C-alpha atoms as a PDB file:
ATOM      1  CA  MET A   1       0.000   0.000   0.000  1.00  0.00           C
ATOM      2  CA  THR A   2       2.735   2.506   0.894  1.00  0.00           C
ATOM      3  CA  ASP A   3       5.426   0.880  -1.212  1.00  0.00           C
ATOM      4  CA  GLY A   4       8.269   3.356  -1.440  1.00  0.00           C
ATOM      5  CA  TYR A   5       6.504   6.127   0.474  1.00  0.00           C
ATOM      6  CA  ILE A   6       8.273   7.819   3.380  1.00  0.00           C
ATOM      7  CA  GLU A   7       6.602  10.655   5.281  1.00  0.00           C
ATOM      8  CA  LEU A   8       9.119  13.511   5.560  1.00  0.00           C
ATOM      9  CA  ASN A   9       6.953  15.979   7.433  1.00  0.00           C
ATOM     10  CA  ALA A  10       5.392  14.222  10.421  1.00  0.00           C
ATOM     11  CA  ARG A  11       4.683  16.577  13.290  1.00  0.00           C
ATOM     12  CA  PRO A  12       4.272  15.394  16.867  1.00  0.00           C
ATOM     13  CA  ALA A  13       2.053  16.840  19.567  1.00  0.00           C
ATOM     14  CA  PHE A  14       5.115  18.718  20.837  1.00  0.00           C
ATOM     15  CA  SER A  15       4.714  21.182  17.948  1.00  0.00           C
ATOM     16  CA  PHE A  16       1.851  23.149  19.457  1.00  0.00           C
ATOM     17  CA  LEU A  17      -1.168  23.533  17.149  1.00  0.00           C
ATOM     18  CA  GLU A  18       0.646  21.742  14.312  1.00  0.00           C
ATOM     19  CA  GLY A  19       0.660  18.109  15.391  1.00  0.00           C
ATOM     20  CA  ALA A  20      -1.631  15.981  17.544  1.00  0.00           C
ATOM     21  CA  SER A  21       0.017  12.557  17.828  1.00  0.00           C
ATOM     22  CA  LEU A  22       2.719  11.406  20.189  1.00  0.00           C
ATOM     23  CA  PRO A  23       5.945  10.197  18.562  1.00  0.00           C
ATOM     24  CA  GLU A  24       5.201   6.598  19.571  1.00  0.00           C
ATOM     25  CA  GLU A  25       1.794   6.783  17.860  1.00  0.00           C
ATOM     26  CA  LEU A  26       3.392   8.067  14.664  1.00  0.00           C
ATOM     27  CA  ILE A  27       5.816   5.137  14.627  1.00  0.00           C
ATOM     28  CA  SER A  28       2.998   2.683  15.364  1.00  0.00           C
ATOM     29  CA  THR A  29       1.015   4.029  12.410  1.00  0.00           C
ATOM     30  CA  CYS A  30       4.125   3.893  10.262  1.00  0.00           C
ATOM     31  CA  ALA A  31       4.572   0.206  11.176  1.00  0.00           C
ATOM     32  CA  ASP A  32       0.873  -0.528  10.543  1.00  0.00           C
ATOM     33  CA  PHE A  33       1.204   0.801   6.997  1.00  0.00           C
ATOM     34  CA  GLY A  34       4.474  -1.022   6.361  1.00  0.00           C
ATOM     35  CA  MET A  35       6.476   2.150   5.875  1.00  0.00           C
ATOM     36  CA  PRO A  36      10.257   1.613   6.175  1.00  0.00           C
ATOM     37  CA  ALA A  37      11.021   5.067   7.601  1.00  0.00           C
ATOM     38  CA  MET A  38       9.560   8.378   8.709  1.00  0.00           C
ATOM     39  CA  ALA A  39      10.904  11.869   9.392  1.00  0.00           C
ATOM     40  CA  LEU A  40       9.814  13.837  12.445  1.00  0.00           C
ATOM     41  CA  ILE A  41       9.946  17.626  12.179  1.00  0.00           C
ATOM     42  CA  ASP A  42       9.224  19.791  15.221  1.00  0.00           C
ATOM     43  CA  ARG A  43       8.834  23.539  14.894  1.00  0.00           C
ATOM     44  CA  ASP A  44      11.968  25.358  16.123  1.00  0.00           C
ATOM     45  CA  GLY A  45      13.199  22.360  18.105  1.00  0.00           C
ATOM     46  CA  VAL A  46      13.766  18.624  18.315  1.00  0.00           C
ATOM     47  CA  TYR A  47      11.372  18.046  21.222  1.00  0.00           C
ATOM     48  CA  GLY A  48       9.902  14.693  20.189  1.00  0.00           C
ATOM     49  CA  SER A  49      13.076  13.263  18.676  1.00  0.00           C
ATOM     50  CA  PRO A  50      14.288  11.105  21.612  1.00  0.00           C
ATOM     51  CA  ARG A  51      10.933   9.355  22.019  1.00  0.00           C
ATOM     52  CA  PHE A  52      10.523   9.066  18.240  1.00  0.00           C
ATOM     53  CA  HIS A  53      13.988   7.542  17.825  1.00  0.00           C
ATOM     54  CA  MET A  54      13.492   5.006  20.648  1.00  0.00           C
ATOM     55  CA  ALA A  55      10.070   3.927  19.349  1.00  0.00           C
ATOM     56  CA  ALA A  56      11.444   3.587  15.814  1.00  0.00           C
ATOM     57  CA  GLN A  57      14.339   1.423  17.020  1.00  0.00           C
ATOM     58  CA  LYS A  58      11.926  -0.926  18.821  1.00  0.00           C
ATOM     59  CA  ALA A  59       9.705  -1.170  15.714  1.00  0.00           C
ATOM     60  CA  GLY A  60      12.592  -1.652  13.272  1.00  0.00           C
ATOM     61  CA  ILE A  61      11.786   1.582  11.421  1.00  0.00           C
ATOM     62  CA  ARG A  62      14.381   4.102  10.340  1.00  0.00           C
ATOM     63  CA  ALA A  63      13.899   7.438  12.113  1.00  0.00           C
ATOM     64  CA  HIS A  64      14.861  10.656  10.361  1.00  0.00           C
ATOM     65  CA  ILE A  65      15.140  13.675  12.643  1.00  0.00           C
ATOM     66  CA  GLY A  66      14.671  17.297  11.735  1.00  0.00           C
ATOM     67  CA  ALA A  67      13.235  20.648  12.646  1.00  0.00           C
ATOM     68  CA  GLU A  68      11.356  23.363  10.863  1.00  0.00           C
ATOM     69  CA  VAL A  69      13.269  26.493  11.788  1.00  0.00           C
ATOM     70  CA  THR A  70      11.846  29.997  11.638  1.00  0.00           C
ATOM     71  CA  CYS A  71      14.206  32.404   9.926  1.00  0.00           C
ATOM     72  CA  THR A  72      14.551  36.179  10.171  1.00  0.00           C
ATOM     73  CA  ASP A  73      13.486  36.442   6.517  1.00  0.00           C
ATOM     74  CA  GLY A  74       9.972  35.447   7.581  1.00  0.00           C
ATOM     75  CA  HIS A  75      10.059  31.895   6.209  1.00  0.00           C
ATOM     76  CA  ARG A  76      10.115  28.517   7.939  1.00  0.00           C
ATOM     77  CA  TYR A  77      12.593  25.981   6.585  1.00  0.00           C
ATOM     78  CA  PRO A  78      12.275  22.228   7.140  1.00  0.00           C
ATOM     79  CA  LEU A  79      15.760  20.829   7.814  1.00  0.00           C
ATOM     80  CA  LEU A  80      16.599  17.130   8.154  1.00  0.00           C
ATOM     81  CA  ALA A  81      19.765  15.764   9.738  1.00  0.00           C
ATOM     82  CA  GLU A  82      21.499  13.253   7.494  1.00  0.00           C
ATOM     83  CA  SER A  83      24.096  12.159  10.064  1.00  0.00           C
ATOM     84  CA  ARG A  84      25.219  12.568  13.656  1.00  0.00           C
ATOM     85  CA  ALA A  85      27.187  15.659  12.602  1.00  0.00           C
ATOM     86  CA  GLY A  86      24.054  17.009  10.933  1.00  0.00           C
ATOM     87  CA  TYR A  87      22.024  16.459  14.109  1.00  0.00           C
ATOM     88  CA  GLN A  88      24.708  18.245  16.130  1.00  0.00           C
ATOM     89  CA  ASN A  89      24.698  21.176  13.693  1.00  0.00           C
ATOM     90  CA  LEU A  90      20.903  21.354  13.767  1.00  0.00           C
ATOM     91  CA  CYS A  91      20.908  21.388  17.586  1.00  0.00           C
ATOM     92  CA  ARG A  92      23.615  24.104  17.634  1.00  0.00           C
ATOM     93  CA  LEU A  93      21.580  26.200  15.234  1.00  0.00           C
ATOM     94  CA  ILE A  94      18.426  25.890  17.353  1.00  0.00           C
ATOM     95  CA  THR A  95      20.323  26.528  20.598  1.00  0.00           C
ATOM     96  CA  LYS A  96      21.927  29.671  19.215  1.00  0.00           C
ATOM     97  CA  MET A  97      18.487  30.953  18.217  1.00  0.00           C
ATOM     98  CA  LYS A  98      16.873  30.104  21.579  1.00  0.00           C
ATOM     99  CA  LEU A  99      19.620  31.650  23.743  1.00  0.00           C
ATOM    100  CA  ARG A 100      19.174  35.181  22.445  1.00  0.00           C
ATOM    101  CA  THR A 101      15.389  35.614  22.752  1.00  0.00           C
ATOM    102  CA  LYS A 102      12.391  34.925  24.962  1.00  0.00           C
ATOM    103  CA  LYS A 103      10.612  31.600  24.720  1.00  0.00           C
ATOM    104  CA  GLY A 104       8.635  31.281  21.501  1.00  0.00           C
ATOM    105  CA  GLU A 105      10.111  34.371  19.842  1.00  0.00           C
ATOM    106  CA  GLY A 106      13.297  33.050  18.239  1.00  0.00           C
ATOM    107  CA  ALA A 107      14.317  33.255  14.621  1.00  0.00           C
ATOM    108  CA  VAL A 108      17.476  31.959  12.986  1.00  0.00           C
ATOM    109  CA  ARG A 109      19.632  34.448  11.139  1.00  0.00           C
ATOM    110  CA  MET A 110      20.560  33.513   7.591  1.00  0.00           C
ATOM    111  CA  GLU A 111      24.294  33.609   8.401  1.00  0.00           C
ATOM    112  CA  GLU A 112      23.665  31.106  11.232  1.00  0.00           C
ATOM    113  CA  LEU A 113      21.835  28.864   8.798  1.00  0.00           C
ATOM    114  CA  GLN A 114      24.862  29.040   6.511  1.00  0.00           C
ATOM    115  CA  GLU A 115      27.266  28.345   9.392  1.00  0.00           C
ATOM    116  CA  HIS A 116      25.457  25.399  10.999  1.00  0.00           C
ATOM    117  CA  GLY A 117      23.508  24.043   8.055  1.00  0.00           C
ATOM    118  CA  ALA A 118      26.518  23.184   5.935  1.00  0.00           C
ATOM    119  CA  ALA A 119      27.532  19.750   7.216  1.00  0.00           C
ATOM    120  CA  GLY A 120      25.064  16.917   7.405  1.00  0.00           C
ATOM    121  CA  VAL A 121      21.817  18.885   7.097  1.00  0.00           C
ATOM    122  CA  PHE A 122      19.336  18.507   4.240  1.00  0.00           C
ATOM    123  CA  GLY A 123      17.183  21.488   3.389  1.00  0.00           C
ATOM    124  CA  ALA A 124      13.708  20.914   2.099  1.00  0.00           C
ATOM    125  CA  SER A 125      11.337  23.500   0.778  1.00  0.00           C
ATOM    126  CA  ARG A 126       7.651  22.995   0.245  1.00  0.00           C
ATOM    127  CA  ASN A 127       4.770  25.269  -0.475  1.00  0.00           C
ATOM    128  CA  SER A 128       1.589  24.637   1.462  1.00  0.00           C
ATOM    129  CA  GLY A 129      -1.217  26.642   2.992  1.00  0.00           C
ATOM    130  CA  ASP A 130       1.095  28.437   5.380  1.00  0.00           C
ATOM    131  CA  GLU A 131       3.564  29.253   2.609  1.00  0.00           C
ATOM    132  CA  VAL A 132       6.438  27.376   4.221  1.00  0.00           C
ATOM    133  CA  GLY A 133       9.816  27.872   2.648  1.00  0.00           C
ATOM    134  CA  VAL A 134       8.608  29.762  -0.364  1.00  0.00           C
ATOM    135  CA  GLY A 135       5.885  32.309   0.299  1.00  0.00           C
ATOM    136  CA  GLN A 136       5.298  36.005   0.433  1.00  0.00           C
ATOM    137  CA  GLY A 137       6.857  36.395  -2.995  1.00  0.00           C
ATOM    138  CA  GLY A 138      10.148  34.773  -1.934  1.00  0.00           C
ATOM    139  CA  GLY A 139       9.995  32.201  -4.701  1.00  0.00           C
ATOM    140  CA  ALA A 140      13.124  31.301  -6.635  1.00  0.00           C
ATOM    141  CA  SER A 141      15.437  33.685  -4.757  1.00  0.00           C
ATOM    142  CA  THR A 142      14.471  32.088  -1.425  1.00  0.00           C
ATOM    143  CA  LEU A 143      15.093  28.605  -2.840  1.00  0.00           C
ATOM    144  CA  ARG A 144      18.517  29.652  -4.189  1.00  0.00           C
ATOM    145  CA  LEU A 145      19.441  31.126  -0.812  1.00  0.00           C
ATOM    146  CA  LEU A 146      18.430  27.973   1.063  1.00  0.00           C
ATOM    147  CA  HIS A 147      20.359  25.890  -1.463  1.00  0.00           C
ATOM    148  CA  THR A 148      23.558  27.753  -0.548  1.00  0.00           C
ATOM    149  CA  CYS A 149      23.011  27.208   3.203  1.00  0.00           C
ATOM    150  CA  VAL A 150      22.752  23.433   3.479  1.00  0.00           C
ATOM    151  CA  SER A 151      24.785  20.435   2.332  1.00  0.00           C
ATOM    152  CA  GLN A 152      22.004  19.162   0.083  1.00  0.00           C
ATOM    153  CA  PHE A 153      18.743  20.745  -1.004  1.00  0.00           C
ATOM    154  CA  ILE A 154      15.620  18.698  -1.735  1.00  0.00           C
ATOM    155  CA  PRO A 155      12.623  20.450  -3.271  1.00  0.00           C
ATOM    156  CA  LEU A 156       9.451  18.776  -2.019  1.00  0.00           C
ATOM    157  CA  ALA A 157       5.933  18.976  -3.312  1.00  0.00           C
ATOM    158  CA  ALA A 158       3.119  18.962  -0.802  1.00  0.00           C
ATOM    159  CA  PHE A 159      -0.080  17.402  -2.085  1.00  0.00           C
ATOM    160  CA  HIS A 160      -3.310  17.799  -0.199  1.00  0.00           C
ATOM    161  CA  ARG A 161      -6.586  16.037  -0.818  1.00  0.00           C
ATOM    162  CA  PRO A 162      -9.530  18.049   0.435  1.00  0.00           C
ATOM    163  CA  LEU A 163     -12.004  16.057   2.462  1.00  0.00           C
ATOM    164  CA  TYR A 164     -15.533  16.549   1.198  1.00  0.00           C
ATOM    165  CA  PRO A 165     -18.701  14.667   2.145  1.00  0.00           C
ATOM    166  CA  ALA A 166     -19.293  11.598  -0.054  1.00  0.00           C
ATOM    167  CA  GLY A 167     -20.120  12.520  -3.630  1.00  0.00           C
ATOM    168  CA  GLN A 168     -18.879  16.130  -3.460  1.00  0.00           C
ATOM    169  CA  ASN A 169     -15.628  16.712  -5.338  1.00  0.00           C
END
């Protein structure tokens, strides 16, 4: 059923108002559908990552860890760690952002993204209802800028299927 599909944008309940499931529930669902891996992306942090990683290990599923970081340019960039060094760089980036502001108000500076996003971090840009990564007219220039900040850039397409009552399409 999900042959070859890997969810790269799962959000746990730790991302307030953006996710509703606990990391263990996400992994359980992943196993139920026979998915080989899943990526967990918290907003401006890696809050659910330890629980997600442990549950994935127990279920034999590969856990990909990331964060969607808010940047001073007004965009939010999904970043995935490709290695231990990438996870360390992602955590340094988030820590630097959190140390200089009040809780919930942080934003990464583009030069910090360039400094800490270089080794072992994948950048992903998608365009959805909240205009993540591209938005507010940023378009191609924003994508080029993100491409220069991370070790590898992956453009993603977000597809949404509206849920209508039966027979209404």
